[in-house]
Amino acid sequence: MGVKSLRWQYIRLMHFPLPLCVFSFATLGAVISPRIYPDRLLWTYLIVFASLCLASYSFDELKGRPLHTTIPENHLRALGWTGIAVSVLAGVYLALSVSLVLLAWIPPSGFVILAYNMELFKGRFHNATTFALGWGGIPTLGSFFLQTLTINLASILTAAAIVVFSLAIWTLTHDLRREIDSLQETTGKAAAGDVMAIRRSARRIIWKITRILCYSITLFTIALTYYRFFP
């Protein structure tokens, strides 16, 4: 595999633009806080990148190659465990430098990666609820807590809205896609070619809607952040 080809495989592994959603969730959690500590937000971004882009997507790719990359398995494992290590170390650093109570956020965050993305416990937690809470609720509420060391009604409502948004993403990329894929199993061989064409078209539309949702929440976050600093 050439260097350029391998580089493209790693870019594909980032699953863009989906990471924009989680970075937006973390930003929203910080922006709604009474006082924003930019350095803490930057640490949040590092944790999101390490846990999502490195750990989550690498372990996902080890389970059936959903992104269809050709990255060697040992590279994916190295990236995954490096992402977990960076996330944990960053969390410990923040706990020591800001407040020890932040240590309480490390276990649930690690659990999401291990139980959802690595599909431990026989895949019991690889579902919409874990996805929405783990990659929607925790980044939003955790980012707010890192800024304020408390939780209020506004942060809970914001996190709840993000959880619902995340459920919409899951429904598109998992439930709806699964229903479309099942069409081929319920049709005869005569219509198999037509069904394949419909399925490919539907998958493209699903991905297009998903991208639109990602860009919309990103633009909303940018607008809210701008308003917060330049009202």
Protein backbone atom coordinates (compact mmCIF):
# COMPACT_ATOMS: atom_id res chain seq x y z
CA MET A 1 0.00 0.00 0.00
CA GLY A 2 1.44 3.38 -1.04
CA VAL A 3 1.97 6.23 1.41
CA LYS A 4 -0.66 8.39 -0.30
CA SER A 5 -3.17 5.54 -0.32
CA LEU A 6 -2.54 4.77 3.35
CA ARG A 7 -2.92 8.44 4.24
CA TRP A 8 -6.31 8.48 2.53
CA GLN A 9 -7.34 5.39 4.51
CA TYR A 10 -6.61 7.19 7.79
CA ILE A 11 -8.55 10.24 6.62
CA ARG A 12 -11.47 7.97 5.77
CA LEU A 13 -11.24 6.45 9.24
CA MET A 14 -12.12 9.88 10.72
CA HIS A 15 -15.62 9.39 9.29
CA PHE A 16 -16.01 13.07 8.46
CA PRO A 17 -18.27 15.01 9.05
CA LEU A 18 -19.64 12.97 11.98
CA PRO A 19 -16.90 14.16 14.40
CA LEU A 20 -18.18 17.72 13.86
CA CYS A 21 -21.32 16.71 15.75
CA VAL A 22 -19.49 15.60 18.89
CA PHE A 23 -17.15 18.62 18.82
CA SER A 24 -20.26 20.78 18.51
CA PHE A 25 -21.92 19.01 21.45
CA ALA A 26 -18.86 19.66 23.61
CA THR A 27 -18.74 23.29 22.50
CA LEU A 28 -22.42 23.82 23.29
CA GLY A 29 -21.89 22.45 26.78
CA ALA A 30 -19.15 25.01 27.37
CA VAL A 31 -20.89 27.94 25.67
CA ILE A 32 -23.99 27.75 27.87
CA SER A 33 -21.88 27.96 31.03
CA PRO A 34 -21.77 31.31 32.88
CA ARG A 35 -18.00 31.55 32.44
CA ILE A 36 -15.93 29.91 29.76
CA TYR A 37 -12.38 28.67 30.38
CA PRO A 38 -10.85 28.35 26.90
CA ASP A 39 -8.05 26.08 28.11
CA ARG A 40 -10.55 23.59 29.56
CA LEU A 41 -12.49 23.62 26.29
CA LEU A 42 -9.29 22.84 24.38
CA TRP A 43 -8.66 19.90 26.69
CA THR A 44 -12.22 18.77 25.98
CA TYR A 45 -11.49 18.86 22.26
CA LEU A 46 -8.39 16.72 22.79
CA ILE A 47 -10.40 14.16 24.74
CA VAL A 48 -13.11 14.09 22.07
CA PHE A 49 -10.55 13.62 19.31
CA ALA A 50 -8.71 10.87 21.17
CA SER A 51 -11.79 8.98 22.33
CA LEU A 52 -13.86 9.37 19.16
CA CYS A 53 -11.56 9.77 16.16
CA LEU A 54 -8.81 7.50 17.44
CA ALA A 55 -10.35 4.97 19.84
CA SER A 56 -13.99 4.72 18.78
CA TYR A 57 -13.56 4.63 15.01
CA SER A 58 -10.55 2.33 15.18
CA PHE A 59 -12.35 -0.24 17.31
CA ASP A 60 -15.44 0.12 15.12
CA GLU A 61 -13.36 -0.67 12.05
CA LEU A 62 -12.09 -3.82 13.69
CA LYS A 63 -15.70 -5.03 13.87
CA GLY A 64 -16.58 -5.84 10.28
CA ARG A 65 -14.81 -2.95 8.52
CA PRO A 66 -17.88 -0.65 8.28
CA LEU A 67 -15.76 2.13 6.73
CA HIS A 68 -14.16 -0.33 4.29
CA THR A 69 -10.58 0.77 5.00
CA THR A 70 -7.57 -1.48 4.46
CA ILE A 71 -5.66 -0.26 7.51
CA PRO A 72 -3.88 -3.22 9.15
CA GLU A 73 -5.53 -4.55 12.28
CA ASN A 74 -2.45 -3.94 14.43
CA HIS A 75 -2.51 -0.28 13.38
CA LEU A 76 -6.17 0.00 14.33
CA ARG A 77 -5.56 -1.58 17.71
CA ALA A 78 -2.61 0.73 18.35
CA LEU A 79 -4.69 3.77 17.41
CA GLY A 80 -7.60 2.61 19.55
CA TRP A 81 -5.63 1.99 22.71
CA THR A 82 -3.60 5.16 22.17
CA GLY A 83 -6.87 7.10 21.99
CA ILE A 84 -8.08 5.56 25.25
CA ALA A 85 -4.74 6.25 26.95
CA VAL A 86 -4.71 9.89 25.84
CA SER A 87 -8.31 10.38 26.97
CA VAL A 88 -7.68 8.88 30.40
CA LEU A 89 -4.43 10.79 30.93
CA ALA A 90 -6.09 14.05 29.91
CA GLY A 91 -8.94 13.34 32.30
CA VAL A 92 -6.54 12.60 35.15
CA TYR A 93 -4.60 15.80 34.42
CA LEU A 94 -7.78 17.86 34.52
CA ALA A 95 -8.83 16.17 37.75
CA LEU A 96 -5.49 17.01 39.39
CA SER A 97 -5.39 20.57 38.08
CA VAL A 98 -9.08 21.54 38.37
CA SER A 99 -10.96 19.21 40.72
CA LEU A 100 -10.72 15.56 41.72
CA VAL A 101 -14.47 15.20 41.20
CA LEU A 102 -13.72 15.13 37.47
CA LEU A 103 -12.39 11.60 37.94
CA ALA A 104 -16.03 10.47 38.12
CA TRP A 105 -16.42 11.20 34.39
CA ILE A 106 -13.67 8.83 33.29
CA PRO A 107 -15.37 5.44 33.95
CA PRO A 108 -18.62 6.14 32.04
CA SER A 109 -16.68 7.61 29.11
CA GLY A 110 -14.39 4.59 28.98
CA PHE A 111 -17.36 2.26 29.33
CA VAL A 112 -18.98 3.73 26.20
CA ILE A 113 -15.89 2.95 24.10
CA LEU A 114 -15.44 -0.54 25.51
CA ALA A 115 -19.12 -1.57 25.60
CA TYR A 116 -20.43 0.23 22.52
CA ASN A 117 -17.56 0.43 20.07
CA MET A 118 -15.71 -2.74 21.08
CA GLU A 119 -19.07 -4.48 21.55
CA LEU A 120 -18.09 -6.15 24.80
CA PHE A 121 -20.74 -7.96 26.85
CA LYS A 122 -21.88 -9.70 23.62
CA GLY A 123 -22.81 -6.38 22.03
CA ARG A 124 -25.59 -5.78 24.55
CA PHE A 125 -24.73 -2.08 24.77
CA HIS A 126 -24.25 -1.51 21.04
CA ASN A 127 -27.59 0.24 20.70
CA ALA A 128 -29.27 3.60 20.21
CA THR A 129 -29.45 4.43 23.92
CA THR A 130 -25.74 3.92 24.57
CA PHE A 131 -24.87 5.80 21.37
CA ALA A 132 -27.06 8.80 22.20
CA LEU A 133 -26.03 9.02 25.85
CA GLY A 134 -22.37 8.23 25.25
CA TRP A 135 -21.68 10.39 22.20
CA GLY A 136 -24.36 13.01 22.79
CA GLY A 137 -25.21 13.41 26.45
CA ILE A 138 -21.80 12.82 28.04
CA PRO A 139 -19.82 15.24 25.81
CA THR A 140 -22.41 17.99 26.34
CA LEU A 141 -22.97 17.58 30.06
CA GLY A 142 -19.33 16.73 30.73
CA SER A 143 -18.11 19.85 28.94
CA PHE A 144 -20.49 22.02 30.95
CA PHE A 145 -19.40 20.36 34.19
CA LEU A 146 -15.74 20.90 33.34
CA GLN A 147 -16.42 24.62 32.99
CA THR A 148 -18.60 25.04 36.09
CA LEU A 149 -18.04 21.97 38.31
CA THR A 150 -21.82 21.81 38.68
CA ILE A 151 -24.92 20.81 36.74
CA ASN A 152 -28.03 22.95 36.36
CA LEU A 153 -31.37 22.70 34.59
CA ALA A 154 -30.12 24.47 31.47
CA SER A 155 -27.29 21.98 31.03
CA ILE A 156 -29.63 19.02 31.56
CA LEU A 157 -32.11 20.35 28.99
CA THR A 158 -29.31 21.01 26.49
CA ALA A 159 -27.91 17.53 26.99
CA ALA A 160 -31.40 16.06 26.59
CA ALA A 161 -31.84 17.91 23.29
CA ILE A 162 -28.49 16.60 22.08
CA VAL A 163 -29.46 13.05 23.08
CA VAL A 164 -32.60 13.35 20.96
CA PHE A 165 -30.52 14.73 18.07
CA SER A 166 -28.13 11.80 18.43
CA LEU A 167 -31.05 9.37 18.36
CA ALA A 168 -32.04 10.87 15.01
CA ILE A 169 -28.54 10.22 13.69
CA TRP A 170 -28.68 6.64 14.94
CA THR A 171 -32.10 6.07 13.38
CA LEU A 172 -30.82 7.24 10.01
CA THR A 173 -27.50 5.43 10.00
CA HIS A 174 -28.59 2.20 11.69
CA ASP A 175 -32.33 1.53 11.91
CA LEU A 176 -33.32 2.93 8.51
CA ARG A 177 -30.28 1.46 6.79
CA ARG A 178 -31.01 -1.93 8.34
CA GLU A 179 -34.58 -1.81 7.06
CA ILE A 180 -33.38 -0.94 3.56
CA ASP A 181 -30.82 -3.73 3.60
CA SER A 182 -33.53 -6.20 4.57
CA LEU A 183 -35.38 -5.48 1.31
CA GLN A 184 -32.96 -7.67 -0.61
CA GLU A 185 -33.74 -10.61 1.64
CA THR A 186 -37.49 -10.32 1.12
CA THR A 187 -37.49 -10.01 -2.68
CA GLY A 188 -37.05 -12.68 -5.30
CA LYS A 189 -34.04 -13.14 -7.53
CA ALA A 190 -35.85 -11.51 -10.44
CA ALA A 191 -36.02 -8.18 -8.65
CA ALA A 192 -32.63 -8.45 -6.98
CA GLY A 193 -30.94 -6.04 -9.42
CA ASP A 194 -33.61 -3.38 -8.94
CA VAL A 195 -33.46 -3.75 -5.18
CA MET A 196 -29.68 -3.35 -5.22
CA ALA A 197 -30.02 -0.11 -7.19
CA ILE A 198 -32.69 1.18 -4.82
CA ARG A 199 -30.58 0.24 -1.81
CA ARG A 200 -27.52 2.07 -3.14
CA SER A 201 -29.61 5.14 -3.88
CA ALA A 202 -31.22 5.03 -0.43
CA ARG A 203 -27.83 4.69 1.27
CA ARG A 204 -26.59 7.78 -0.57
CA ILE A 205 -29.66 9.73 0.53
CA ILE A 206 -29.23 8.58 4.15
CA TRP A 207 -25.62 9.71 4.15
CA LYS A 208 -26.61 13.03 2.54
CA ILE A 209 -29.20 13.70 5.26
CA THR A 210 -26.67 12.71 7.92
CA ARG A 211 -24.15 15.20 6.53
CA ILE A 212 -26.80 17.92 6.46
CA LEU A 213 -27.60 17.29 10.13
CA CYS A 214 -23.90 17.39 11.04
CA TYR A 215 -23.34 20.68 9.21
CA SER A 216 -26.51 22.20 10.65
CA ILE A 217 -25.57 21.52 14.28
CA THR A 218 -22.05 22.77 13.54
CA LEU A 219 -23.30 26.04 12.04
CA PHE A 220 -25.73 26.48 14.94
CA THR A 221 -22.87 25.99 17.40
CA ILE A 222 -20.68 28.51 15.56
CA ALA A 223 -23.53 31.04 15.55
CA LEU A 224 -24.24 30.57 19.26
CA THR A 225 -20.54 30.78 20.14
CA TYR A 226 -20.18 33.99 18.10
CA TYR A 227 -23.23 35.48 19.82
CA ARG A 228 -21.83 34.52 23.22
CA PHE A 229 -18.56 36.36 22.63
CA PHE A 230 -19.87 39.14 20.34
CA PRO A 231 -23.48 39.79 21.39
